[in-house]
N, C-alpha and C. Protein backbone atom coordinates (compact mmCIF):
# COMPACT_ATOMS: atom_id res chain seq x y z
N MET A 1 -12.57 -111.75 5.55
CA MET A 1 -11.64 -111.11 4.66
C MET A 1 -12.24 -110.02 3.94
N SER A 2 -13.63 -110.07 3.59
CA SER A 2 -14.22 -108.95 2.85
C SER A 2 -14.29 -107.78 3.57
N VAL A 3 -14.70 -107.96 4.88
CA VAL A 3 -14.73 -106.73 5.88
C VAL A 3 -13.46 -106.02 5.83
N ARG A 4 -12.28 -106.70 5.99
CA ARG A 4 -11.15 -106.13 6.02
C ARG A 4 -10.78 -105.20 4.63
N TRP A 5 -11.15 -106.03 3.56
CA TRP A 5 -10.98 -105.42 2.35
C TRP A 5 -11.75 -104.14 2.16
N LEU A 6 -13.12 -104.27 2.52
CA LEU A 6 -13.96 -103.08 2.57
C LEU A 6 -13.33 -101.89 3.36
N LEU A 7 -12.91 -102.38 4.52
CA LEU A 7 -12.37 -101.30 5.51
C LEU A 7 -11.15 -100.51 4.86
N LEU A 8 -10.23 -101.45 4.27
CA LEU A 8 -9.04 -100.85 3.56
C LEU A 8 -9.36 -100.02 2.46
N SER A 9 -10.41 -100.30 1.52
CA SER A 9 -10.81 -99.71 0.55
C SER A 9 -11.41 -98.18 1.01
N MET A 10 -12.11 -98.41 1.98
CA MET A 10 -12.84 -97.06 2.59
C MET A 10 -11.67 -96.14 3.08
N LEU A 11 -10.63 -96.69 3.89
CA LEU A 11 -9.56 -95.76 4.22
C LEU A 11 -8.80 -95.34 3.05
N THR A 12 -8.71 -95.95 2.20
CA THR A 12 -7.92 -95.52 1.00
C THR A 12 -8.52 -94.34 0.35
N LEU A 13 -9.84 -94.51 0.12
CA LEU A 13 -10.65 -93.48 -0.41
C LEU A 13 -10.58 -92.28 0.46
N LEU A 14 -10.70 -92.43 1.60
CA LEU A 14 -10.85 -91.34 2.52
C LEU A 14 -9.39 -90.58 2.63
N ALA A 15 -8.44 -91.25 2.46
CA ALA A 15 -6.98 -90.65 2.40
C ALA A 15 -6.81 -89.83 1.09
N ILE A 16 -7.34 -90.44 -0.01
CA ILE A 16 -7.28 -89.77 -1.43
C ILE A 16 -8.16 -88.49 -1.42
N ALA A 17 -9.32 -88.59 -0.71
CA ALA A 17 -10.21 -87.45 -0.58
C ALA A 17 -9.51 -86.42 0.39
N SER A 18 -8.90 -86.73 1.38
CA SER A 18 -8.21 -85.78 2.25
C SER A 18 -6.85 -85.14 1.58
N ALA A 19 -6.30 -86.00 0.72
CA ALA A 19 -5.25 -85.42 -0.05
C ALA A 19 -5.54 -84.44 -1.01
N ILE A 20 -6.79 -84.62 -1.68
CA ILE A 20 -7.18 -83.75 -2.75
C ILE A 20 -7.89 -82.36 -2.03
N GLY A 21 -8.40 -82.57 -0.73
CA GLY A 21 -8.70 -81.40 0.07
C GLY A 21 -7.59 -80.44 0.34
N VAL A 22 -6.49 -81.25 0.75
CA VAL A 22 -5.31 -80.43 1.11
C VAL A 22 -4.73 -79.74 -0.14
N VAL A 23 -4.76 -80.26 -1.26
CA VAL A 23 -4.15 -79.61 -2.62
C VAL A 23 -5.07 -78.41 -3.02
N GLN A 24 -6.38 -78.73 -2.81
CA GLN A 24 -7.35 -77.60 -3.10
C GLN A 24 -7.16 -76.39 -2.23
N SER A 25 -7.06 -76.78 -0.81
CA SER A 25 -6.86 -75.63 0.07
C SER A 25 -5.59 -74.97 -0.12
N ARG A 26 -4.50 -75.53 -0.58
CA ARG A 26 -3.29 -74.87 -0.65
C ARG A 26 -3.36 -74.18 -2.14
N GLN A 27 -4.06 -74.44 -3.16
CA GLN A 27 -4.26 -73.75 -4.25
C GLN A 27 -5.01 -72.52 -4.07
N GLN A 28 -6.26 -72.59 -3.19
CA GLN A 28 -6.87 -71.38 -2.80
C GLN A 28 -6.02 -70.41 -2.06
N HIS A 29 -5.14 -70.99 -1.29
CA HIS A 29 -4.26 -69.97 -0.65
C HIS A 29 -3.27 -69.45 -1.34
N ARG A 30 -2.77 -69.91 -2.43
CA ARG A 30 -1.94 -69.44 -3.44
C ARG A 30 -2.66 -68.27 -4.12
N ASP A 31 -3.94 -68.58 -4.61
CA ASP A 31 -4.47 -67.69 -5.46
C ASP A 31 -4.98 -66.42 -4.67
N ALA A 32 -5.33 -66.68 -3.25
CA ALA A 32 -5.58 -65.52 -2.37
C ALA A 32 -4.46 -64.62 -2.08
N PHE A 33 -3.18 -65.34 -2.19
CA PHE A 33 -1.81 -64.57 -1.77
C PHE A 33 -1.73 -63.85 -3.17
N ALA A 34 -1.87 -64.28 -4.32
CA ALA A 34 -1.50 -63.63 -5.53
C ALA A 34 -2.34 -62.39 -5.80
N GLN A 35 -3.59 -62.49 -5.34
CA GLN A 35 -4.86 -61.40 -5.60
C GLN A 35 -4.27 -60.27 -4.26
N LEU A 36 -3.83 -60.85 -3.19
CA LEU A 36 -3.40 -59.97 -2.16
C LEU A 36 -2.27 -58.98 -2.71
N SER A 37 -1.41 -59.73 -3.35
CA SER A 37 -0.18 -59.01 -3.98
C SER A 37 -0.47 -57.97 -5.00
N ARG A 38 -1.37 -58.36 -5.73
CA ARG A 38 -1.99 -57.40 -6.79
C ARG A 38 -2.80 -56.33 -6.35
N LEU A 39 -3.55 -56.52 -5.24
CA LEU A 39 -4.15 -55.45 -4.66
C LEU A 39 -3.41 -54.40 -3.91
N GLU A 40 -2.21 -55.04 -3.15
CA GLU A 40 -1.38 -54.21 -2.67
C GLU A 40 -0.54 -53.24 -3.54
N LYS A 41 -0.21 -53.81 -4.80
CA LYS A 41 0.48 -53.06 -5.73
C LYS A 41 -0.42 -51.87 -6.10
N ALA A 42 -1.64 -52.29 -6.33
CA ALA A 42 -2.61 -51.15 -6.72
C ALA A 42 -2.85 -50.19 -5.97
N ARG A 43 -2.75 -50.56 -4.58
CA ARG A 43 -2.87 -49.51 -3.47
C ARG A 43 -1.72 -48.69 -3.51
N ASP A 44 -0.44 -49.18 -3.65
CA ASP A 44 0.60 -48.41 -3.63
C ASP A 44 0.68 -47.35 -4.76
N GLU A 45 0.13 -47.91 -6.08
CA GLU A 45 0.19 -46.98 -7.00
C GLU A 45 -0.88 -45.75 -6.80
N LEU A 46 -1.95 -46.14 -6.17
CA LEU A 46 -3.01 -45.03 -5.94
C LEU A 46 -2.38 -44.16 -4.90
N ASN A 47 -1.80 -44.48 -3.72
CA ASN A 47 -1.19 -43.75 -2.91
C ASN A 47 -0.06 -42.82 -3.57
N ILE A 48 0.65 -43.36 -4.57
CA ILE A 48 1.59 -42.44 -5.25
C ILE A 48 0.81 -41.18 -5.95
N GLU A 49 -0.19 -41.87 -6.66
CA GLU A 49 -1.12 -40.86 -7.58
C GLU A 49 -1.73 -39.91 -6.53
N PHE A 50 -2.27 -40.25 -5.41
CA PHE A 50 -2.76 -39.38 -4.62
C PHE A 50 -1.91 -38.39 -3.94
N ASP A 51 -0.72 -38.63 -3.56
CA ASP A 51 0.30 -37.85 -3.12
C ASP A 51 0.65 -36.87 -4.16
N ARG A 52 0.73 -37.32 -5.48
CA ARG A 52 1.02 -36.34 -6.66
C ARG A 52 -0.24 -35.24 -6.68
N LEU A 53 -1.45 -35.75 -6.67
CA LEU A 53 -2.38 -34.88 -6.77
C LEU A 53 -2.60 -33.74 -5.68
N GLN A 54 -2.18 -34.26 -4.33
CA GLN A 54 -2.15 -33.35 -3.32
C GLN A 54 -1.15 -32.10 -3.49
N LEU A 55 0.05 -32.70 -3.95
CA LEU A 55 1.17 -31.73 -4.18
C LEU A 55 0.65 -30.80 -5.41
N GLU A 56 -0.01 -31.23 -6.48
CA GLU A 56 -0.56 -30.34 -7.39
C GLU A 56 -1.56 -29.42 -6.85
N ILE A 57 -2.40 -29.92 -6.17
CA ILE A 57 -3.45 -28.96 -5.59
C ILE A 57 -2.90 -27.91 -4.86
N ALA A 58 -1.92 -28.16 -3.90
CA ALA A 58 -1.23 -27.34 -3.11
C ALA A 58 -0.53 -26.13 -4.07
N THR A 59 0.06 -26.46 -5.07
CA THR A 59 0.64 -25.63 -5.88
C THR A 59 -0.22 -24.81 -6.68
N LEU A 60 -1.40 -25.44 -7.05
CA LEU A 60 -2.48 -24.50 -7.77
C LEU A 60 -3.03 -23.60 -6.86
N GLY A 61 -3.13 -23.87 -5.61
CA GLY A 61 -4.00 -23.16 -4.60
C GLY A 61 -3.16 -21.99 -4.01
N ASP A 62 -1.92 -22.08 -4.27
CA ASP A 62 -0.82 -21.06 -3.73
C ASP A 62 -1.45 -19.65 -3.99
N ALA A 63 -1.50 -18.66 -2.90
CA ALA A 63 -2.23 -17.38 -3.19
C ALA A 63 -1.37 -16.69 -4.18
N GLY A 64 -0.11 -16.81 -4.04
CA GLY A 64 0.94 -15.89 -4.97
C GLY A 64 0.46 -16.41 -6.55
N ARG A 65 0.44 -17.46 -6.60
CA ARG A 65 0.14 -18.08 -8.10
C ARG A 65 -1.23 -17.67 -8.41
N ILE A 66 -2.04 -17.62 -7.65
CA ILE A 66 -3.55 -17.32 -7.94
C ILE A 66 -3.59 -15.90 -8.39
N GLN A 67 -2.82 -14.90 -7.43
CA GLN A 67 -2.69 -13.47 -7.92
C GLN A 67 -2.02 -13.13 -9.16
N GLU A 68 -0.89 -13.94 -9.44
CA GLU A 68 -0.15 -13.93 -10.70
C GLU A 68 -1.11 -14.21 -11.93
N GLN A 69 -1.84 -15.36 -11.77
CA GLN A 69 -2.70 -15.73 -12.83
C GLN A 69 -3.89 -14.60 -13.18
N ALA A 70 -4.52 -14.21 -11.88
CA ALA A 70 -5.44 -13.19 -12.08
C ALA A 70 -4.86 -11.94 -12.76
N ALA A 71 -3.73 -11.50 -12.67
CA ALA A 71 -3.16 -10.22 -13.15
C ALA A 71 -2.77 -10.62 -14.45
N ASN A 72 -2.13 -11.78 -14.86
CA ASN A 72 -1.62 -11.95 -16.32
C ASN A 72 -2.68 -12.47 -17.13
N ARG A 73 -3.43 -13.44 -16.79
CA ARG A 73 -4.21 -14.13 -17.71
C ARG A 73 -5.56 -13.39 -17.90
N LEU A 74 -6.11 -12.76 -16.76
CA LEU A 74 -7.38 -12.22 -16.70
C LEU A 74 -7.43 -10.76 -16.62
N GLN A 75 -6.05 -10.14 -16.54
CA GLN A 75 -6.03 -8.84 -16.49
C GLN A 75 -6.75 -8.06 -15.39
N MET A 76 -6.79 -8.80 -14.35
CA MET A 76 -7.50 -8.21 -13.11
C MET A 76 -6.54 -7.56 -12.22
N ARG A 77 -7.08 -6.70 -11.51
CA ARG A 77 -6.05 -5.76 -10.72
C ARG A 77 -6.94 -5.43 -9.34
N ALA A 78 -6.14 -5.17 -8.42
CA ALA A 78 -6.85 -4.56 -7.08
C ALA A 78 -7.61 -3.30 -7.19
N PRO A 79 -8.78 -3.02 -6.87
CA PRO A 79 -9.34 -1.71 -7.02
C PRO A 79 -8.61 -0.66 -6.36
N VAL A 80 -8.68 0.56 -6.87
CA VAL A 80 -8.18 1.74 -6.22
C VAL A 80 -9.20 2.32 -5.39
N ALA A 81 -8.82 3.14 -4.45
CA ALA A 81 -9.84 3.66 -3.60
C ALA A 81 -10.92 4.35 -4.22
N ALA A 82 -10.78 4.94 -5.34
CA ALA A 82 -11.71 5.72 -5.96
C ALA A 82 -12.82 4.75 -6.43
N ASP A 83 -12.47 3.69 -6.96
CA ASP A 83 -13.44 2.45 -7.39
C ASP A 83 -14.22 1.90 -6.31
N VAL A 84 -14.00 2.07 -5.11
CA VAL A 84 -14.79 1.35 -3.99
C VAL A 84 -15.86 2.22 -3.69
N VAL A 85 -16.84 1.27 -3.68
CA VAL A 85 -18.26 1.85 -3.16
C VAL A 85 -18.72 1.25 -1.97
N VAL A 86 -19.01 2.03 -0.88
CA VAL A 86 -19.51 1.46 0.26
C VAL A 86 -21.06 1.55 0.29
N VAL A 87 -21.57 0.46 0.49
CA VAL A 87 -23.21 0.35 0.58
C VAL A 87 -23.57 0.33 2.02
N VAL A 88 -24.42 1.11 2.57
CA VAL A 88 -24.78 1.31 3.99
C VAL A 88 -26.18 0.56 3.83
N PRO A 89 -26.62 -0.31 4.65
CA PRO A 89 -28.00 -0.80 4.61
C PRO A 89 -28.97 0.26 5.29
């Protein structure tokens, strides 16, 4: 009878250990899924910011806008023919 009792006790402990392992594995899965969701949200926010910055760069780099800024803010102008000097080597 003691061998059966020992076997039953060992099987019960193994079943409990297996159940604990399943619970721990499911919790790790939940944690990993929550982290994945947070990372996907951060990625989406970064993509939105990147698109906004690309649009801003395109706007700031427009040739017409650069020429307007040069004329208005920096008082620059295109040289007239009399101001051009050609240097021959």
